[in-house]
Amino acid sequence: MPVARAFRWSILAASAALALGGCMQTTGPVAMVQPRPDLDSMAYGQPYGAPPPVVVADNGGGAIAALSNSFASGPAPVPVAYAAPMVAAPVRYDSSYHLDAGDKLRVVVFGQEGLTNSYAIDAGGSITMPLIGGVPARGRTPAGLAGEIAARLRNGFIRDPSVAVEIESYRPFFILGEVSAPGQYPYVPNMTVESAVAIAGGFSPRAKRDVVTVTHTEAGGSMRAIVPLGTPVSPGDTVFVGERWF
C-alpha cells in the first residue's frame, strides 16, 4: 500500500510538471510595434508602395493582452506633406506688340543652327538673315514675322521649316525736358511715366510734376497726348516733361 501510494503521487507530480511545462511553452500574443518615424522617414516619408504595419490582436485577456494593446495603440507616424516642384514660368511678351527699329529678336529655326541667331531690326525696319536676306519686320507682330520667315525659307530652301521669333530686348524710349538726365534709355517691361522719370534721375527743380506729354509712334503714324504720371510707356515712346510757370 505505501508503495502504490508513492507510485500514484509520482504520477500526479509528473502530470503536473507536464501541464506546467505546456503552459509555459504556449505561444503568447505577438504585437507588431509600429516604429516611430526616424530622420529618414521624417524627411522622405514612407517608401512608395510599402504596406502598413500589421498589429496582431490578442484574443485573450490578462496583463499580456493589456501590454499588447498598449503597443498597438501607439502614436502613428507623422504624415509628410510633399510640395509640388516649382517650375519656372517662361517669360511672356505681348503677342500684339508691333516690332520696329531698335528691337532685338531671337529667331529660332528648328533643326537649322546656321539660321538660329539674334537679329536686330535696323533703321530701315528689317532684319537680314542667311539664305533669304532682308525680311521686313516693322509693324509686324513676332508671330507674323515668324510666318514670313517660314514662307521665305519654304520657297526653295527648307521643305517644312518651323520658325519661332522671341523678343530678346525692346527698342529704347526717350525722355526729354525738365529731368536731371534727359536722353535715351533701355525700355523696361511694365514701365510707367513715373518710373521713366526716375530712370532719368528725377524731376528738375523747374519741372511740371503732375502731367507730361507722351508721343507714341507706330507704323500707322504718331500720337501725342498729355497724360498723368501713372500712364504706361511703350518701347520707342518719347516722354517730355514740361516746365512749370510758377
Protein backbone atom coordinates (compact mmCIF):
# COMPACT_ATOMS: atom_id res chain seq x y z
CA MET A 1 0.00 0.00 0.00
CA PRO A 2 2.71 2.56 0.77
CA VAL A 3 4.42 1.65 -2.49
CA ALA A 4 1.22 2.06 -4.51
CA ARG A 5 0.51 5.37 -2.86
CA ALA A 6 4.02 6.62 -3.57
CA PHE A 7 3.71 5.46 -7.21
CA ARG A 8 0.38 7.35 -7.55
CA TRP A 9 1.89 10.54 -6.11
CA SER A 10 4.80 10.31 -8.55
CA ILE A 11 2.39 10.01 -11.48
CA LEU A 12 0.42 13.03 -10.28
CA ALA A 13 3.64 15.05 -9.88
CA ALA A 14 4.78 14.10 -13.39
CA SER A 15 1.40 15.08 -14.87
CA ALA A 16 1.52 18.43 -13.09
CA ALA A 17 5.03 19.03 -14.35
CA LEU A 18 4.00 18.25 -17.93
CA ALA A 19 0.97 20.56 -17.67
CA LEU A 20 3.07 23.34 -16.23
CA GLY A 21 5.66 22.91 -18.95
CA GLY A 22 2.97 23.04 -21.63
CA CYS A 23 1.57 26.27 -20.21
CA MET A 24 4.98 27.83 -20.13
CA GLN A 25 5.62 26.81 -23.76
CA THR A 26 2.29 28.18 -25.00
CA THR A 27 2.88 30.89 -27.60
CA GLY A 28 1.77 34.25 -26.25
CA PRO A 29 0.22 37.05 -28.30
CA VAL A 30 2.61 38.85 -30.67
CA ALA A 31 2.30 42.61 -31.24
CA MET A 32 3.92 44.25 -34.26
CA VAL A 33 5.02 47.58 -32.82
CA GLN A 34 4.63 50.40 -35.26
CA PRO A 35 8.02 52.16 -35.43
CA ARG A 36 8.31 55.82 -34.64
CA PRO A 37 9.46 57.94 -37.58
CA ASP A 38 13.24 58.32 -37.69
CA LEU A 39 15.12 61.10 -39.52
CA ASP A 40 14.88 59.39 -42.91
CA SER A 41 11.15 58.74 -42.69
CA MET A 42 10.53 62.28 -41.41
CA ALA A 43 12.42 63.70 -44.38
CA TYR A 44 11.24 61.36 -47.14
CA GLY A 45 8.10 59.68 -45.79
CA GLN A 46 7.25 56.00 -46.04
CA PRO A 47 8.64 54.16 -49.10
CA TYR A 48 6.29 54.08 -52.06
CA GLY A 49 4.06 51.04 -52.04
CA ALA A 50 5.14 49.84 -48.58
CA PRO A 51 2.28 48.04 -46.80
CA PRO A 52 1.13 49.48 -43.48
CA PRO A 53 2.35 47.69 -40.35
CA VAL A 54 0.01 44.93 -39.15
CA VAL A 55 -0.95 44.60 -35.48
CA VAL A 56 -1.96 41.15 -34.27
CA ALA A 57 -4.53 41.50 -31.52
CA ASP A 58 -4.61 39.14 -28.57
CA ASN A 59 -7.86 37.22 -28.24
CA GLY A 60 -7.28 36.54 -24.56
CA GLY A 61 -7.16 38.79 -21.56
CA GLY A 62 -4.82 39.50 -18.76
CA ALA A 63 -1.65 41.55 -18.39
CA ILE A 64 -0.12 40.32 -21.67
CA ALA A 65 -3.20 41.42 -23.62
CA ALA A 66 -3.16 44.84 -21.95
CA LEU A 67 0.53 45.22 -22.81
CA SER A 68 -0.10 44.21 -26.45
CA ASN A 69 -2.97 46.67 -26.76
CA SER A 70 -0.81 49.46 -25.37
CA PHE A 71 1.80 48.77 -28.08
CA ALA A 72 -0.86 48.56 -30.79
CA SER A 73 -2.39 51.90 -29.81
CA GLY A 74 0.92 53.76 -30.00
CA PRO A 75 1.22 57.07 -31.90
CA ALA A 76 1.04 56.87 -35.69
CA PRO A 77 3.85 58.30 -37.85
CA VAL A 78 3.62 61.98 -38.55
CA PRO A 79 2.29 62.49 -42.11
CA VAL A 80 4.70 64.18 -44.50
CA ALA A 81 3.34 66.79 -46.91
CA TYR A 82 5.02 66.92 -50.29
CA ALA A 83 5.21 70.27 -52.07
CA ALA A 84 4.87 70.30 -55.82
CA PRO A 85 8.14 71.19 -57.60
CA MET A 86 8.35 74.79 -58.63
CA VAL A 87 8.79 75.23 -62.32
CA ALA A 88 9.97 78.45 -63.58
CA ALA A 89 7.43 80.05 -65.82
CA PRO A 90 8.67 81.24 -69.23
CA VAL A 91 8.95 84.97 -69.91
CA ARG A 92 5.96 86.11 -71.93
CA TYR A 93 5.62 89.09 -74.21
CA ASP A 94 2.57 90.78 -75.64
CA SER A 95 1.62 88.86 -78.80
CA SER A 96 0.05 92.02 -80.21
CA TYR A 97 3.27 94.02 -79.85
CA HIS A 98 4.35 95.62 -83.14
CA LEU A 99 8.04 95.47 -83.96
CA ASP A 100 10.12 98.44 -85.05
CA ALA A 101 13.70 99.62 -85.48
CA GLY A 102 15.81 99.01 -82.38
CA ASP A 103 14.08 95.79 -81.24
CA LYS A 104 16.44 92.85 -80.88
CA LEU A 105 14.98 89.45 -81.74
CA ARG A 106 15.86 85.82 -81.22
CA VAL A 107 14.91 83.86 -84.33
CA VAL A 108 14.86 80.08 -83.89
CA VAL A 109 14.65 77.84 -86.96
CA PHE A 110 14.32 74.34 -85.51
CA GLY A 111 16.94 71.95 -86.83
CA GLN A 112 18.89 74.75 -88.56
CA GLU A 113 21.67 76.01 -86.28
CA GLY A 114 23.10 78.20 -89.02
CA LEU A 115 19.89 80.22 -89.20
CA THR A 116 19.10 80.37 -85.47
CA ASN A 117 20.57 83.59 -84.13
CA SER A 118 19.90 87.04 -82.65
CA TYR A 119 18.91 89.73 -85.11
CA ALA A 120 18.44 93.47 -84.58
CA ILE A 121 15.87 95.41 -86.59
CA ASP A 122 17.81 98.07 -88.49
CA ALA A 123 16.83 101.66 -89.17
CA GLY A 124 15.03 100.54 -92.30
CA GLY A 125 12.78 98.26 -90.23
CA SER A 126 14.19 94.91 -91.47
CA ILE A 127 16.35 92.04 -90.29
CA THR A 128 18.90 90.31 -92.51
CA MET A 129 19.17 86.51 -92.38
CA PRO A 130 21.30 83.97 -94.26
CA LEU A 131 19.76 82.46 -97.42
CA ILE A 132 16.74 84.80 -97.54
CA GLY A 133 18.40 88.19 -96.98
CA GLY A 134 16.36 91.13 -95.70
CA VAL A 135 12.93 90.48 -94.16
CA PRO A 136 10.66 93.48 -93.33
CA ALA A 137 9.84 93.46 -89.61
CA ARG A 138 8.50 96.95 -88.87
CA GLY A 139 4.82 96.88 -87.97
CA ARG A 140 4.67 93.08 -87.74
CA THR A 141 3.94 91.06 -84.63
CA PRO A 142 6.50 88.40 -83.60
CA ALA A 143 4.16 85.66 -84.85
CA GLY A 144 3.64 87.49 -88.14
CA LEU A 145 7.38 87.83 -88.68
CA ALA A 146 7.88 84.13 -87.91
CA GLY A 147 5.30 83.27 -90.56
CA GLU A 148 7.03 85.49 -93.14
CA ILE A 149 10.43 83.92 -92.43
CA ALA A 150 8.97 80.41 -92.73
CA ALA A 151 7.32 81.29 -96.05
CA ARG A 152 10.60 82.57 -97.50
CA LEU A 153 12.56 79.54 -96.29
CA ARG A 154 9.93 77.23 -97.74
CA ASN A 155 10.43 78.87 -101.14
CA GLY A 156 13.31 76.73 -102.35
CA PHE A 157 15.43 76.35 -99.19
CA ILE A 158 13.76 74.18 -96.50
CA ARG A 159 10.86 71.84 -97.17
CA ASP A 160 8.89 72.34 -93.96
CA PRO A 161 10.56 74.97 -91.74
CA SER A 162 9.45 75.59 -88.16
CA VAL A 163 10.24 79.13 -87.01
CA ALA A 164 9.78 80.97 -83.70
CA VAL A 165 10.52 84.64 -83.00
CA GLU A 166 11.06 85.97 -79.47
CA ILE A 167 11.83 89.49 -78.30
CA GLU A 168 15.28 89.50 -76.76
CA SER A 169 15.25 93.21 -75.88
CA TYR A 170 12.90 96.09 -76.69
CA ARG A 171 13.82 99.27 -78.51
CA PRO A 172 14.72 102.15 -76.18
CA PHE A 173 12.50 105.01 -75.04
CA PHE A 174 13.37 108.72 -74.90
CA ILE A 175 12.78 111.27 -72.15
CA LEU A 176 13.31 114.98 -72.67
CA GLY A 177 12.65 118.25 -70.89
CA GLU A 178 12.86 119.02 -67.20
CA VAL A 179 14.59 115.90 -65.84
CA SER A 180 18.07 115.57 -64.38
CA ALA A 181 19.48 113.43 -67.22
CA PRO A 182 17.42 113.55 -70.42
CA GLY A 183 18.27 111.12 -73.19
CA GLN A 184 17.73 107.58 -74.50
CA TYR A 185 17.31 104.63 -72.11
CA PRO A 186 16.66 100.88 -72.44
CA TYR A 187 12.99 100.01 -72.10
CA VAL A 188 11.87 98.00 -69.09
CA PRO A 189 8.61 95.98 -69.35
CA ASN A 190 5.62 97.40 -67.43
CA MET A 191 7.21 100.84 -67.30
CA THR A 192 5.15 103.95 -66.44
CA VAL A 193 5.86 107.64 -66.90
CA GLU A 194 6.83 107.89 -63.23
CA SER A 195 9.40 105.10 -63.49
CA ALA A 196 10.76 106.64 -66.71
CA VAL A 197 11.32 109.93 -64.87
CA ALA A 198 13.07 108.04 -62.07
CA ILE A 199 15.40 106.35 -64.57
CA ALA A 200 16.30 109.79 -65.92
CA GLY A 201 17.32 110.99 -62.47
CA GLY A 202 14.03 112.55 -61.38
CA PHE A 203 12.43 115.93 -61.98
CA SER A 204 14.43 119.11 -62.22
CA PRO A 205 13.51 121.96 -59.82
CA ARG A 206 11.52 123.70 -62.58
CA ALA A 207 9.61 120.61 -63.76
CA LYS A 208 5.85 120.42 -64.03
CA ARG A 209 5.24 117.31 -61.94
CA ASP A 210 1.57 116.45 -62.37
CA VAL A 211 1.32 115.69 -66.11
CA VAL A 212 3.72 115.05 -69.01
CA THR A 213 3.47 114.72 -72.79
CA VAL A 214 3.96 111.27 -74.36
CA THR A 215 4.45 110.70 -78.08
CA HIS A 216 3.75 107.17 -79.29
CA THR A 217 4.83 106.13 -82.79
CA GLU A 218 3.70 103.11 -84.76
CA ALA A 219 3.67 102.10 -88.40
CA GLY A 220 0.38 103.92 -88.85
CA GLY A 221 1.73 107.25 -87.55
CA SER A 222 2.32 109.14 -84.31
CA MET A 223 0.01 110.12 -81.47
CA ARG A 224 0.72 112.74 -78.80
CA ALA A 225 -1.19 113.11 -75.54
CA ILE A 226 -0.90 114.82 -72.16
CA VAL A 227 -1.08 112.09 -69.52
CA PRO A 228 -0.69 111.63 -65.74
CA LEU A 229 2.37 110.00 -64.17
CA GLY A 230 0.79 106.55 -63.88
CA THR A 231 0.35 106.15 -67.65
CA PRO A 232 2.17 103.13 -69.18
CA VAL A 233 5.10 103.80 -71.51
CA SER A 234 5.73 101.66 -74.60
CA PRO A 235 9.03 100.91 -76.36
CA GLY A 236 10.04 103.77 -78.63
CA ASP A 237 7.87 106.35 -76.83
CA THR A 238 9.12 109.87 -76.18
CA VAL A 239 8.31 111.37 -72.78
CA PHE A 240 8.52 115.15 -72.49
CA VAL A 241 8.47 116.83 -69.07
CA GLY A 242 7.43 120.48 -69.35
CA GLU A 243 8.38 123.47 -67.25
CA ARG A 244 6.02 124.91 -64.67
CA TRP A 245 5.06 128.57 -64.93
CA PHE A 246 5.41 129.44 -61.25
